[in-house]
Amino acid sequence: MDNVLALILGGGRGTRLYPLTKVRSKPAVPVAGKYRLIDIPLSNCINSGILKVYVLTQFNSMSLHRHIRSSYAFDIYRHGFIEILAAEQTIDNPHWYEGTADAVKKSLRYIESNNVDYVIILSGDQLYRMDFREMLRVHQESGADATIASIPVTAAETKGLGIMRIDSETGQVGGFLEKPKDESELSGFEIDSEWIRTQNVEPNGRNYLASMGIYIFNKS
């Protein structure tokens, strides 16, 4: 996986977790004692063989920086790194990160400086376990420019999530609905149960696909 670079978005305010985020960013919130939420995507990267990682930070970032510096250090014989990219003002751009897409855009010069073929973008505050090698394999075999990881959910669970409409023949995304407020907005987004089963998942009434916020892009 030397040809993959990971970008972990670690600048979330975490307003819904207040007061846990009063003096720290959401990815720095403690989990199971000595761990932090940021350890989840970092662990998934390392266990998937992705050893080139940038963590993008902004709000209340001191404790997050301290944890990353003290917990992750690759020896000089390994061709990898975990580096912090704090939001910065430049002569060309005097603004801070203005959302996740903007954070990625402002990090393009760092992405371009790495000799990799693929970039995987992850959230820094989610709890899950995933082997990204399988997702990369699917991405490569599909010939797509971008691949989005998704999970089936019920209609009642769609609120607050990004819901995708896909072509069941090609798997291509044909539409995206951001945080539907009412189930009436879901018309045309329901996924056939048989297609979900072809992905080795039993639907159990979960006939909508929600984005997991995990993306693989071709660098070129």
N, C-alpha and C. Protein backbone atom coordinates (compact mmCIF):
# COMPACT_ATOMS: atom_id res chain seq x y z
N MET A 1 0.83 -1.21 0.00
CA MET A 1 0.00 0.00 0.00
C MET A 1 0.86 1.26 0.00
N ASP A 2 2.11 1.14 -0.51
CA ASP A 2 2.98 2.30 -0.59
C ASP A 2 2.46 3.36 -1.55
N ASN A 3 1.50 2.96 -2.41
CA ASN A 3 0.99 3.90 -3.41
C ASN A 3 -0.29 4.59 -2.96
N VAL A 4 -0.57 4.56 -1.66
CA VAL A 4 -1.78 5.17 -1.11
C VAL A 4 -1.42 6.20 -0.04
N LEU A 5 -2.03 7.37 -0.12
CA LEU A 5 -1.88 8.42 0.89
C LEU A 5 -3.23 8.63 1.57
N ALA A 6 -3.23 8.72 2.89
CA ALA A 6 -4.47 8.96 3.64
C ALA A 6 -4.53 10.39 4.15
N LEU A 7 -5.71 10.99 4.02
CA LEU A 7 -6.01 12.30 4.61
C LEU A 7 -7.11 12.09 5.64
N ILE A 8 -6.81 12.37 6.90
CA ILE A 8 -7.81 12.23 7.96
C ILE A 8 -8.26 13.62 8.39
N LEU A 9 -9.56 13.85 8.30
CA LEU A 9 -10.12 15.15 8.63
C LEU A 9 -10.35 15.24 10.13
N GLY A 10 -9.49 15.98 10.80
CA GLY A 10 -9.53 16.02 12.26
C GLY A 10 -9.87 17.37 12.84
N GLY A 11 -10.58 18.21 12.07
CA GLY A 11 -10.82 19.58 12.53
C GLY A 11 -12.21 19.85 13.05
N GLY A 12 -12.98 18.79 13.34
CA GLY A 12 -14.37 18.99 13.73
C GLY A 12 -14.54 19.69 15.08
N ARG A 13 -15.53 20.58 15.16
CA ARG A 13 -15.83 21.28 16.42
C ARG A 13 -16.45 20.34 17.45
N GLY A 14 -17.25 19.38 16.99
CA GLY A 14 -17.89 18.44 17.91
C GLY A 14 -18.93 19.08 18.80
N THR A 15 -19.75 19.97 18.24
CA THR A 15 -20.74 20.69 19.05
C THR A 15 -21.74 19.76 19.72
N ARG A 16 -22.06 18.64 19.08
CA ARG A 16 -23.04 17.73 19.66
C ARG A 16 -22.47 16.93 20.82
N LEU A 17 -21.15 16.94 20.98
CA LEU A 17 -20.52 16.24 22.11
C LEU A 17 -20.14 17.19 23.24
N TYR A 18 -20.50 18.44 23.13
CA TYR A 18 -20.21 19.41 24.20
C TYR A 18 -20.90 18.94 25.49
N PRO A 19 -20.25 19.00 26.65
CA PRO A 19 -19.01 19.71 26.99
C PRO A 19 -17.72 18.88 26.83
N LEU A 20 -17.83 17.65 26.28
CA LEU A 20 -16.61 16.86 26.08
C LEU A 20 -15.64 17.57 25.15
N THR A 21 -16.17 18.43 24.28
CA THR A 21 -15.33 19.14 23.31
C THR A 21 -15.09 20.60 23.70
N LYS A 22 -15.28 20.92 24.96
CA LYS A 22 -15.08 22.31 25.39
C LYS A 22 -13.64 22.74 25.19
N VAL A 23 -12.68 21.85 25.48
CA VAL A 23 -11.27 22.21 25.38
C VAL A 23 -10.51 21.31 24.42
N ARG A 24 -11.22 20.54 23.59
CA ARG A 24 -10.56 19.65 22.64
C ARG A 24 -11.43 19.50 21.40
N SER A 25 -10.83 19.09 20.31
CA SER A 25 -11.60 18.80 19.10
C SER A 25 -12.26 17.43 19.24
N LYS A 26 -13.24 17.18 18.41
CA LYS A 26 -13.96 15.91 18.49
C LYS A 26 -13.05 14.69 18.32
N PRO A 27 -12.09 14.68 17.38
CA PRO A 27 -11.21 13.52 17.26
C PRO A 27 -10.33 13.26 18.48
N ALA A 28 -10.20 14.25 19.37
CA ALA A 28 -9.38 14.09 20.57
C ALA A 28 -10.18 13.61 21.77
N VAL A 29 -11.48 13.37 21.60
CA VAL A 29 -12.32 12.91 22.71
C VAL A 29 -11.85 11.52 23.15
N PRO A 30 -11.64 11.29 24.45
CA PRO A 30 -11.15 9.99 24.93
C PRO A 30 -12.13 8.85 24.67
N VAL A 31 -11.56 7.69 24.38
CA VAL A 31 -12.33 6.46 24.17
C VAL A 31 -11.64 5.34 24.93
N ALA A 32 -12.38 4.64 25.78
CA ALA A 32 -11.84 3.49 26.52
C ALA A 32 -10.56 3.84 27.27
N GLY A 33 -10.56 4.98 27.93
CA GLY A 33 -9.43 5.34 28.78
C GLY A 33 -8.32 6.06 28.05
N LYS A 34 -7.31 5.32 27.59
CA LYS A 34 -6.11 5.96 27.04
C LYS A 34 -6.19 6.29 25.55
N TYR A 35 -7.24 5.87 24.88
CA TYR A 35 -7.35 6.10 23.44
C TYR A 35 -8.14 7.38 23.14
N ARG A 36 -8.05 7.81 21.88
CA ARG A 36 -8.80 8.95 21.39
C ARG A 36 -9.52 8.52 20.11
N LEU A 37 -10.58 9.25 19.74
CA LEU A 37 -11.31 8.89 18.52
C LEU A 37 -10.39 8.84 17.30
N ILE A 38 -9.39 9.71 17.25
CA ILE A 38 -8.48 9.74 16.11
C ILE A 38 -7.73 8.43 15.95
N ASP A 39 -7.59 7.66 17.03
CA ASP A 39 -6.87 6.39 16.96
C ASP A 39 -7.59 5.37 16.09
N ILE A 40 -8.90 5.51 15.92
CA ILE A 40 -9.65 4.54 15.12
C ILE A 40 -9.24 4.60 13.65
N PRO A 41 -9.35 5.74 12.97
CA PRO A 41 -8.90 5.77 11.58
C PRO A 41 -7.40 5.55 11.42
N LEU A 42 -6.61 6.02 12.38
CA LEU A 42 -5.16 5.79 12.29
C LEU A 42 -4.84 4.31 12.40
N SER A 43 -5.50 3.61 13.32
CA SER A 43 -5.30 2.17 13.46
C SER A 43 -5.74 1.43 12.21
N ASN A 44 -6.88 1.83 11.64
CA ASN A 44 -7.35 1.20 10.41
C ASN A 44 -6.35 1.39 9.27
N CYS A 45 -5.76 2.57 9.19
CA CYS A 45 -4.76 2.83 8.16
C CYS A 45 -3.54 1.93 8.34
N ILE A 46 -3.00 1.92 9.54
CA ILE A 46 -1.78 1.15 9.81
C ILE A 46 -2.02 -0.33 9.57
N ASN A 47 -3.15 -0.86 10.05
CA ASN A 47 -3.45 -2.27 9.86
C ASN A 47 -3.78 -2.62 8.42
N SER A 48 -4.09 -1.61 7.61
CA SER A 48 -4.33 -1.83 6.18
C SER A 48 -3.06 -1.61 5.36
N GLY A 49 -1.96 -1.29 6.03
CA GLY A 49 -0.70 -1.07 5.33
C GLY A 49 -0.55 0.32 4.75
N ILE A 50 -1.41 1.25 5.15
CA ILE A 50 -1.30 2.64 4.69
C ILE A 50 -0.47 3.41 5.70
N LEU A 51 0.76 3.74 5.33
CA LEU A 51 1.70 4.34 6.28
C LEU A 51 2.08 5.77 5.93
N LYS A 52 1.38 6.35 4.97
CA LYS A 52 1.57 7.76 4.64
C LYS A 52 0.27 8.48 4.98
N VAL A 53 0.29 9.23 6.06
CA VAL A 53 -0.95 9.79 6.60
C VAL A 53 -0.77 11.26 6.98
N TYR A 54 -1.69 12.09 6.53
CA TYR A 54 -1.79 13.47 6.99
C TYR A 54 -3.06 13.60 7.83
N VAL A 55 -2.96 14.26 8.97
CA VAL A 55 -4.13 14.57 9.80
C VAL A 55 -4.36 16.07 9.73
N LEU A 56 -5.50 16.47 9.19
CA LEU A 56 -5.84 17.89 9.03
C LEU A 56 -6.56 18.37 10.28
N THR A 57 -6.04 19.43 10.90
CA THR A 57 -6.61 19.90 12.16
C THR A 57 -6.92 21.39 12.09
N GLN A 58 -7.80 21.83 13.01
CA GLN A 58 -8.12 23.26 13.09
C GLN A 58 -8.58 23.67 14.49
N PHE A 59 -9.78 23.26 14.91
CA PHE A 59 -10.37 23.75 16.15
C PHE A 59 -9.83 23.02 17.38
N ASN A 60 -9.51 23.77 18.44
CA ASN A 60 -9.10 23.18 19.72
C ASN A 60 -8.13 22.02 19.52
N SER A 61 -7.08 22.26 18.77
CA SER A 61 -6.26 21.14 18.29
C SER A 61 -5.06 20.78 19.15
N MET A 62 -4.79 21.52 20.23
CA MET A 62 -3.56 21.28 20.98
C MET A 62 -3.48 19.86 21.54
N SER A 63 -4.54 19.39 22.19
CA SER A 63 -4.49 18.06 22.79
C SER A 63 -4.42 16.98 21.72
N LEU A 64 -5.03 17.22 20.56
CA LEU A 64 -4.96 16.26 19.46
C LEU A 64 -3.53 16.18 18.93
N HIS A 65 -2.89 17.33 18.76
CA HIS A 65 -1.50 17.35 18.30
C HIS A 65 -0.60 16.60 19.29
N ARG A 66 -0.79 16.86 20.57
CA ARG A 66 0.04 16.24 21.59
C ARG A 66 -0.12 14.72 21.58
N HIS A 67 -1.36 14.26 21.44
CA HIS A 67 -1.62 12.81 21.43
C HIS A 67 -0.97 12.15 20.21
N ILE A 68 -1.10 12.76 19.04
CA ILE A 68 -0.52 12.17 17.83
C ILE A 68 1.00 12.12 17.93
N ARG A 69 1.60 13.21 18.39
CA ARG A 69 3.06 13.26 18.49
C ARG A 69 3.60 12.23 19.47
N SER A 70 2.89 12.01 20.57
CA SER A 70 3.39 11.09 21.59
C SER A 70 3.06 9.63 21.29
N SER A 71 2.09 9.39 20.42
CA SER A 71 1.63 8.01 20.19
C SER A 71 2.13 7.39 18.90
N TYR A 72 2.49 8.21 17.92
CA TYR A 72 2.83 7.67 16.60
C TYR A 72 4.17 8.22 16.14
N ALA A 73 5.12 7.30 16.01
CA ALA A 73 6.44 7.66 15.50
C ALA A 73 7.00 6.47 14.74
N PHE A 74 7.20 6.62 13.43
CA PHE A 74 7.77 5.54 12.62
C PHE A 74 9.29 5.64 12.68
N ASP A 75 9.95 4.48 12.73
CA ASP A 75 11.42 4.51 12.76
C ASP A 75 11.94 4.88 11.36
N ILE A 76 13.22 5.20 11.31
CA ILE A 76 13.81 5.74 10.08
C ILE A 76 13.89 4.71 8.97
N TYR A 77 13.68 3.43 9.29
CA TYR A 77 13.79 2.39 8.28
C TYR A 77 12.45 2.10 7.59
N ARG A 78 11.41 2.79 7.99
CA ARG A 78 10.10 2.59 7.37
C ARG A 78 9.75 3.80 6.52
N HIS A 79 9.22 3.52 5.33
CA HIS A 79 8.90 4.60 4.40
C HIS A 79 7.48 5.10 4.65
N GLY A 80 7.29 5.70 5.81
CA GLY A 80 5.96 6.19 6.15
C GLY A 80 6.03 7.37 7.09
N PHE A 81 4.87 7.97 7.34
CA PHE A 81 4.80 9.11 8.25
C PHE A 81 3.36 9.33 8.67
N ILE A 82 3.19 9.92 9.83
CA ILE A 82 1.91 10.48 10.26
C ILE A 82 2.20 11.93 10.63
N GLU A 83 1.75 12.84 9.79
CA GLU A 83 2.07 14.25 9.98
C GLU A 83 0.80 15.07 10.16
N ILE A 84 0.91 16.12 10.95
CA ILE A 84 -0.21 17.03 11.20
C ILE A 84 -0.16 18.19 10.21
N LEU A 85 -1.28 18.44 9.57
CA LEU A 85 -1.43 19.62 8.71
C LEU A 85 -2.44 20.55 9.38
N ALA A 86 -1.94 21.48 10.17
CA ALA A 86 -2.83 22.43 10.84
C ALA A 86 -3.29 23.49 9.84
N ALA A 87 -4.52 23.95 10.00
CA ALA A 87 -5.03 25.02 9.14
C ALA A 87 -4.09 26.21 9.22
N GLU A 88 -3.79 26.78 8.07
CA GLU A 88 -2.85 27.89 8.04
C GLU A 88 -3.27 28.95 7.03
N GLN A 89 -2.94 30.17 7.33
CA GLN A 89 -3.16 31.26 6.39
C GLN A 89 -1.89 31.45 5.56
N THR A 90 -2.08 31.71 4.28
CA THR A 90 -0.94 31.95 3.40
C THR A 90 -1.14 33.27 2.66
N ILE A 91 -0.11 33.69 1.96
CA ILE A 91 -0.22 34.92 1.17
C ILE A 91 -1.30 34.77 0.11
N ASP A 92 -1.37 33.58 -0.48
CA ASP A 92 -2.36 33.33 -1.53
C ASP A 92 -3.76 33.10 -0.99
N ASN A 93 -3.85 32.61 0.25
CA ASN A 93 -5.17 32.30 0.81
C ASN A 93 -5.18 32.64 2.30
N PRO A 94 -5.79 33.77 2.68
CA PRO A 94 -5.78 34.21 4.07
C PRO A 94 -6.88 33.59 4.93
N HIS A 95 -7.58 32.58 4.41
CA HIS A 95 -8.73 32.02 5.14
C HIS A 95 -8.38 30.67 5.77
N TRP A 96 -9.09 30.34 6.85
CA TRP A 96 -8.96 29.02 7.48
C TRP A 96 -9.79 28.02 6.69
N TYR A 97 -9.77 26.75 7.12
CA TYR A 97 -10.60 25.74 6.46
C TYR A 97 -12.07 26.15 6.57
N GLU A 98 -12.78 26.06 5.47
CA GLU A 98 -14.20 26.41 5.44
C GLU A 98 -15.03 25.19 5.07
N GLY A 99 -14.83 24.10 5.81
CA GLY A 99 -15.53 22.86 5.54
C GLY A 99 -14.56 21.77 5.10
N THR A 100 -15.07 20.55 5.00
CA THR A 100 -14.20 19.41 4.70
C THR A 100 -13.62 19.47 3.29
N ALA A 101 -14.46 19.80 2.31
CA ALA A 101 -13.96 19.87 0.93
C ALA A 101 -12.89 20.95 0.80
N ASP A 102 -13.10 22.07 1.49
CA ASP A 102 -12.13 23.16 1.43
C ASP A 102 -10.82 22.76 2.09
N ALA A 103 -10.91 21.97 3.16
CA ALA A 103 -9.69 21.50 3.84
C ALA A 103 -8.86 20.63 2.90
N VAL A 104 -9.54 19.77 2.15
CA VAL A 104 -8.83 18.92 1.18
C VAL A 104 -8.22 19.78 0.07
N LYS A 105 -8.99 20.73 -0.42
CA LYS A 105 -8.51 21.62 -1.49
C LYS A 105 -7.25 22.36 -1.07
N LYS A 106 -7.24 22.86 0.17
CA LYS A 106 -6.09 23.63 0.64
C LYS A 106 -4.89 22.74 0.97
N SER A 107 -5.09 21.43 0.92
CA SER A 107 -3.99 20.50 1.19
C SER A 107 -3.45 19.87 -0.09
N LEU A 108 -3.93 20.33 -1.24
CA LEU A 108 -3.54 19.71 -2.51
C LEU A 108 -2.04 19.76 -2.74
N ARG A 109 -1.39 20.83 -2.31
CA ARG A 109 0.06 20.93 -2.57
C ARG A 109 0.83 19.85 -1.81
N TYR A 110 0.31 19.44 -0.65
CA TYR A 110 0.95 18.36 0.09
C TYR A 110 0.65 17.01 -0.55
N ILE A 111 -0.57 16.86 -1.05
CA ILE A 111 -0.93 15.62 -1.75
C ILE A 111 -0.05 15.45 -2.98
N GLU A 112 0.09 16.51 -3.76
CA GLU A 112 0.86 16.45 -5.00
C GLU A 112 2.33 16.15 -4.75
N SER A 113 2.83 16.48 -3.58
CA SER A 113 4.25 16.26 -3.30
C SER A 113 4.59 14.81 -3.01
N ASN A 114 3.57 13.95 -2.90
CA ASN A 114 3.80 12.54 -2.59
C ASN A 114 3.66 11.68 -3.84
N ASN A 115 4.56 10.73 -3.99
CA ASN A 115 4.56 9.83 -5.14
C ASN A 115 3.61 8.65 -4.86
N VAL A 116 2.32 8.90 -5.01
CA VAL A 116 1.30 7.87 -4.78
C VAL A 116 0.32 7.88 -5.95
N ASP A 117 -0.48 6.81 -6.03
CA ASP A 117 -1.49 6.69 -7.09
C ASP A 117 -2.89 6.98 -6.58
N TYR A 118 -3.10 6.78 -5.27
CA TYR A 118 -4.45 6.89 -4.72
C TYR A 118 -4.43 7.71 -3.43
N VAL A 119 -5.55 8.40 -3.19
CA VAL A 119 -5.73 9.17 -1.95
C VAL A 119 -7.02 8.70 -1.30
N ILE A 120 -6.94 8.32 -0.03
CA ILE A 120 -8.13 7.92 0.72
C ILE A 120 -8.42 9.00 1.76
N ILE A 121 -9.66 9.45 1.79
CA ILE A 121 -10.07 10.52 2.70
C ILE A 121 -10.98 9.94 3.78
N LEU A 122 -10.64 10.21 5.04
CA LEU A 122 -11.35 9.61 6.17
C LEU A 122 -11.77 10.68 7.17
N SER A 123 -12.80 10.36 7.92
CA SER A 123 -13.20 11.21 9.04
C SER A 123 -12.37 10.84 10.26
N GLY A 124 -12.09 11.82 11.09
CA GLY A 124 -11.27 11.57 12.27
C GLY A 124 -12.06 11.28 13.52
N ASP A 125 -13.39 11.10 13.40
CA ASP A 125 -14.20 10.96 14.62
C ASP A 125 -15.27 9.88 14.52
N GLN A 126 -14.98 8.79 13.79
CA GLN A 126 -15.95 7.71 13.66
C GLN A 126 -15.42 6.43 14.29
N LEU A 127 -16.34 5.61 14.80
CA LEU A 127 -15.99 4.33 15.42
C LEU A 127 -16.34 3.21 14.45
N TYR A 128 -15.33 2.53 13.92
CA TYR A 128 -15.55 1.41 13.00
C TYR A 128 -14.23 0.67 12.82
N ARG A 129 -14.32 -0.55 12.28
CA ARG A 129 -13.11 -1.29 11.91
C ARG A 129 -13.23 -1.66 10.44
N MET A 130 -12.19 -1.39 9.67
CA MET A 130 -12.27 -1.63 8.23
C MET A 130 -10.88 -1.87 7.65
N ASP A 131 -10.80 -2.85 6.75
CA ASP A 131 -9.57 -3.10 6.01
C ASP A 131 -9.69 -2.36 4.68
N PHE A 132 -8.94 -1.30 4.52
CA PHE A 132 -9.05 -0.47 3.32
C PHE A 132 -8.49 -1.16 2.08
N ARG A 133 -7.75 -2.26 2.26
CA ARG A 133 -7.21 -2.97 1.10
C ARG A 133 -8.33 -3.53 0.23
N GLU A 134 -9.40 -4.01 0.86
CA GLU A 134 -10.53 -4.54 0.11
C GLU A 134 -11.22 -3.43 -0.68
N MET A 135 -11.41 -2.28 -0.05
CA MET A 135 -12.03 -1.15 -0.75
C MET A 135 -11.16 -0.69 -1.92
N LEU A 136 -9.84 -0.68 -1.73
CA LEU A 136 -8.94 -0.29 -2.81
C LEU A 136 -9.01 -1.29 -3.96
N ARG A 137 -9.11 -2.57 -3.63
CA ARG A 137 -9.23 -3.60 -4.68
C ARG A 137 -10.47 -3.36 -5.53
N VAL A 138 -11.61 -3.11 -4.87
CA VAL A 138 -12.85 -2.85 -5.59
C VAL A 138 -12.71 -1.59 -6.45
N HIS A 139 -12.08 -0.57 -5.89
CA HIS A 139 -11.87 0.68 -6.63
C HIS A 139 -11.05 0.43 -7.89
N GLN A 140 -9.98 -0.32 -7.76
CA GLN A 140 -9.11 -0.58 -8.91
C GLN A 140 -9.82 -1.40 -9.97
N GLU A 141 -10.57 -2.42 -9.55
CA GLU A 141 -11.26 -3.28 -10.50
C GLU A 141 -12.39 -2.56 -11.23
N SER A 142 -12.98 -1.56 -10.58
CA SER A 142 -14.10 -0.84 -11.19
C SER A 142 -13.65 0.13 -12.27
N GLY A 143 -12.40 0.58 -12.17
CA GLY A 143 -11.91 1.58 -13.11
C GLY A 143 -12.45 2.97 -12.86
N ALA A 144 -13.08 3.17 -11.70
CA ALA A 144 -13.69 4.47 -11.37
C ALA A 144 -12.62 5.48 -10.96
N ASP A 145 -12.96 6.75 -11.07
CA ASP A 145 -12.08 7.81 -10.58
C ASP A 145 -12.21 7.99 -9.08
N ALA A 146 -13.39 7.64 -8.55
CA ALA A 146 -13.65 7.80 -7.11
C ALA A 146 -14.57 6.68 -6.64
N THR A 147 -14.36 6.24 -5.41
CA THR A 147 -15.19 5.20 -4.80
C THR A 147 -15.61 5.67 -3.41
N ILE A 148 -16.89 5.48 -3.08
CA ILE A 148 -17.44 5.90 -1.79
C ILE A 148 -17.87 4.67 -1.01
N ALA A 149 -17.38 4.53 0.22
CA ALA A 149 -17.84 3.45 1.08
C ALA A 149 -19.23 3.79 1.62
N SER A 150 -20.10 2.79 1.66
CA SER A 150 -21.47 3.04 2.13
C SER A 150 -21.94 1.90 3.01
N ILE A 151 -23.03 2.15 3.70
CA ILE A 151 -23.61 1.15 4.59
C ILE A 151 -25.13 1.21 4.45
N PRO A 152 -25.81 0.05 4.40
CA PRO A 152 -27.27 0.08 4.27
C PRO A 152 -27.93 0.50 5.58
N VAL A 153 -28.98 1.31 5.46
CA VAL A 153 -29.72 1.78 6.63
C VAL A 153 -31.21 1.72 6.33
N THR A 154 -32.02 1.76 7.38
CA THR A 154 -33.47 1.81 7.21
C THR A 154 -33.90 3.23 6.89
N ALA A 155 -35.16 3.38 6.46
CA ALA A 155 -35.68 4.71 6.16
C ALA A 155 -35.64 5.60 7.40
N ALA A 156 -35.93 5.03 8.56
CA ALA A 156 -35.93 5.81 9.79
C ALA A 156 -34.54 6.29 10.17
N GLU A 157 -33.51 5.58 9.72
CA GLU A 157 -32.13 5.92 10.08
C GLU A 157 -31.49 6.92 9.12
N THR A 158 -32.19 7.30 8.06
CA THR A 158 -31.57 8.17 7.06
C THR A 158 -31.39 9.61 7.52
N LYS A 159 -32.18 10.05 8.50
CA LYS A 159 -32.06 11.43 8.96
C LYS A 159 -30.66 11.70 9.50
N GLY A 160 -30.07 12.78 9.06
CA GLY A 160 -28.74 13.13 9.52
C GLY A 160 -27.63 12.47 8.73
N LEU A 161 -27.98 11.69 7.69
CA LEU A 161 -26.97 10.99 6.90
C LEU A 161 -27.01 11.45 5.45
N GLY A 162 -25.94 11.18 4.73
CA GLY A 162 -25.92 11.44 3.30
C GLY A 162 -26.35 10.18 2.57
N ILE A 163 -27.45 10.23 1.85
CA ILE A 163 -28.03 9.06 1.21
C ILE A 163 -27.74 9.09 -0.29
N MET A 164 -27.33 7.93 -0.83
CA MET A 164 -26.93 7.85 -2.23
C MET A 164 -27.95 7.07 -3.05
N ARG A 165 -28.14 7.51 -4.28
CA ARG A 165 -28.91 6.74 -5.26
C ARG A 165 -27.90 6.14 -6.23
N ILE A 166 -27.98 4.83 -6.45
CA ILE A 166 -27.00 4.18 -7.32
C ILE A 166 -27.68 3.40 -8.43
N ASP A 167 -26.93 3.14 -9.46
CA ASP A 167 -27.36 2.27 -10.56
C ASP A 167 -27.02 0.85 -10.16
N SER A 168 -28.03 -0.01 -10.01
CA SER A 168 -27.79 -1.37 -9.53
C SER A 168 -27.02 -2.22 -10.53
N GLU A 169 -26.95 -1.77 -11.78
CA GLU A 169 -26.19 -2.52 -12.79
C GLU A 169 -24.71 -2.17 -12.73
N THR A 170 -24.40 -0.90 -12.58
CA THR A 170 -23.01 -0.45 -12.64
C THR A 170 -22.42 -0.09 -11.28
N GLY A 171 -23.29 0.17 -10.30
CA GLY A 171 -22.81 0.62 -9.00
C GLY A 171 -22.45 2.09 -8.97
N GLN A 172 -22.70 2.80 -10.06
CA GLN A 172 -22.37 4.22 -10.12
C GLN A 172 -23.38 5.06 -9.34
N VAL A 173 -22.88 6.10 -8.69
CA VAL A 173 -23.74 7.00 -7.92
C VAL A 173 -24.45 7.94 -8.89
N GLY A 174 -25.78 7.97 -8.80
CA GLY A 174 -26.57 8.82 -9.69
C GLY A 174 -27.24 9.98 -8.99
N GLY A 175 -27.12 10.03 -7.67
CA GLY A 175 -27.75 11.12 -6.92
C GLY A 175 -27.33 11.07 -5.47
N PHE A 176 -27.46 12.20 -4.79
CA PHE A 176 -27.04 12.29 -3.39
C PHE A 176 -28.02 13.19 -2.65
N LEU A 177 -28.51 12.70 -1.53
CA LEU A 177 -29.46 13.45 -0.71
C LEU A 177 -28.84 13.68 0.66
N GLU A 178 -28.59 14.93 1.00
CA GLU A 178 -27.90 15.26 2.25
C GLU A 178 -28.89 15.47 3.39
N LYS A 179 -28.82 14.61 4.38
CA LYS A 179 -29.60 14.72 5.62
C LYS A 179 -31.09 14.98 5.38
N PRO A 180 -31.79 14.00 4.81
CA PRO A 180 -33.23 14.17 4.57
C PRO A 180 -33.98 14.41 5.88
N LYS A 181 -34.91 15.33 5.85
CA LYS A 181 -35.68 15.66 7.05
C LYS A 181 -36.92 14.79 7.18
N ASP A 182 -37.37 14.26 6.05
CA ASP A 182 -38.62 13.49 6.05
C ASP A 182 -38.48 12.33 5.08
N GLU A 183 -39.14 11.21 5.39
CA GLU A 183 -39.05 10.03 4.53
C GLU A 183 -39.64 10.27 3.15
N SER A 184 -40.48 11.30 3.00
CA SER A 184 -41.05 11.61 1.70
C SER A 184 -39.98 12.06 0.70
N GLU A 185 -38.84 12.52 1.21
CA GLU A 185 -37.75 12.96 0.34
C GLU A 185 -36.98 11.80 -0.26
N LEU A 186 -37.24 10.59 0.21
CA LEU A 186 -36.44 9.43 -0.17
C LEU A 186 -36.90 8.76 -1.46
N SER A 187 -37.90 9.31 -2.10
CA SER A 187 -38.42 8.71 -3.34
C SER A 187 -37.31 8.58 -4.38
N GLY A 188 -37.14 7.36 -4.91
CA GLY A 188 -36.11 7.11 -5.92
C GLY A 188 -34.77 6.71 -5.36
N PHE A 189 -34.63 6.70 -4.03
CA PHE A 189 -33.35 6.35 -3.41
C PHE A 189 -33.33 4.94 -2.83
N GLU A 190 -34.45 4.24 -2.85
CA GLU A 190 -34.49 2.90 -2.28
C GLU A 190 -33.70 1.93 -3.15
N ILE A 191 -32.92 1.06 -2.50
CA ILE A 191 -32.07 0.09 -3.18
C ILE A 191 -32.73 -1.28 -3.14
N ASP A 192 -32.66 -2.00 -4.26
CA ASP A 192 -33.24 -3.34 -4.33
C ASP A 192 -32.53 -4.28 -3.35
N SER A 193 -33.31 -5.06 -2.63
CA SER A 193 -32.75 -5.96 -1.61
C SER A 193 -31.78 -6.97 -2.22
N GLU A 194 -32.08 -7.44 -3.43
CA GLU A 194 -31.20 -8.43 -4.06
C GLU A 194 -29.82 -7.84 -4.36
N TRP A 195 -29.78 -6.56 -4.74
CA TRP A 195 -28.47 -5.95 -4.99
C TRP A 195 -27.67 -5.89 -3.70
N ILE A 196 -28.33 -5.57 -2.61
CA ILE A 196 -27.62 -5.51 -1.32
C ILE A 196 -27.07 -6.88 -0.96
N ARG A 197 -27.84 -7.93 -1.25
CA ARG A 197 -27.37 -9.30 -0.97
C ARG A 197 -26.15 -9.66 -1.82
N THR A 198 -26.07 -9.13 -3.03
CA THR A 198 -24.90 -9.41 -3.86
C THR A 198 -23.62 -8.84 -3.26
N GLN A 199 -23.77 -7.91 -2.31
CA GLN A 199 -22.62 -7.34 -1.61
C GLN A 199 -22.31 -8.10 -0.32
N ASN A 200 -22.91 -9.30 -0.19
CA ASN A 200 -22.72 -10.16 0.98
C ASN A 200 -23.21 -9.51 2.27
N VAL A 201 -24.32 -8.77 2.13
CA VAL A 201 -24.95 -8.13 3.28
C VAL A 201 -26.43 -8.47 3.25
N GLU A 202 -26.98 -8.89 4.39
CA GLU A 202 -28.40 -9.16 4.48
C GLU A 202 -29.12 -7.84 4.78
N PRO A 203 -30.07 -7.44 3.93
CA PRO A 203 -30.68 -6.10 4.09
C PRO A 203 -31.47 -5.92 5.37
N ASN A 204 -32.31 -6.89 5.73
CA ASN A 204 -33.12 -6.78 6.95
C ASN A 204 -33.85 -5.43 7.03
N GLY A 205 -34.46 -5.03 5.93
CA GLY A 205 -35.20 -3.77 5.91
C GLY A 205 -34.35 -2.55 5.70
N ARG A 206 -33.06 -2.73 5.52
CA ARG A 206 -32.15 -1.60 5.29
C ARG A 206 -31.96 -1.42 3.78
N ASN A 207 -32.81 -0.64 3.18
CA ASN A 207 -32.83 -0.51 1.73
C ASN A 207 -32.38 0.86 1.22
N TYR A 208 -31.61 1.56 2.04
CA TYR A 208 -31.04 2.84 1.62
C TYR A 208 -29.55 2.82 1.91
N LEU A 209 -28.76 3.44 1.04
CA LEU A 209 -27.32 3.45 1.20
C LEU A 209 -26.86 4.80 1.74
N ALA A 210 -26.19 4.76 2.89
CA ALA A 210 -25.66 5.97 3.51
C ALA A 210 -24.15 6.02 3.32
N SER A 211 -23.65 7.18 2.96
CA SER A 211 -22.22 7.36 2.83
C SER A 211 -21.56 7.24 4.20
N MET A 212 -20.42 6.55 4.25
CA MET A 212 -19.65 6.42 5.49
C MET A 212 -18.62 7.53 5.64
N GLY A 213 -18.55 8.43 4.66
CA GLY A 213 -17.54 9.48 4.73
C GLY A 213 -16.15 8.97 4.47
N ILE A 214 -16.05 7.85 3.72
CA ILE A 214 -14.77 7.25 3.36
C ILE A 214 -14.69 7.25 1.83
N TYR A 215 -13.67 7.90 1.29
CA TYR A 215 -13.57 8.08 -0.16
C TYR A 215 -12.18 7.70 -0.65
N ILE A 216 -12.12 7.03 -1.79
CA ILE A 216 -10.85 6.78 -2.47
C ILE A 216 -10.89 7.50 -3.81
N PHE A 217 -9.84 8.27 -4.09
CA PHE A 217 -9.72 8.99 -5.36
C PHE A 217 -8.42 8.58 -6.05
N ASN A 218 -8.47 8.54 -7.36
CA ASN A 218 -7.22 8.47 -8.12
C ASN A 218 -6.51 9.81 -7.96
N LYS A 219 -5.22 9.77 -7.72
CA LYS A 219 -4.49 11.03 -7.53
C LYS A 219 -4.43 11.84 -8.83
N SER A 220 -4.28 11.16 -9.94
CA SER A 220 -4.15 11.86 -11.22
C SER A 220 -5.48 12.38 -11.73
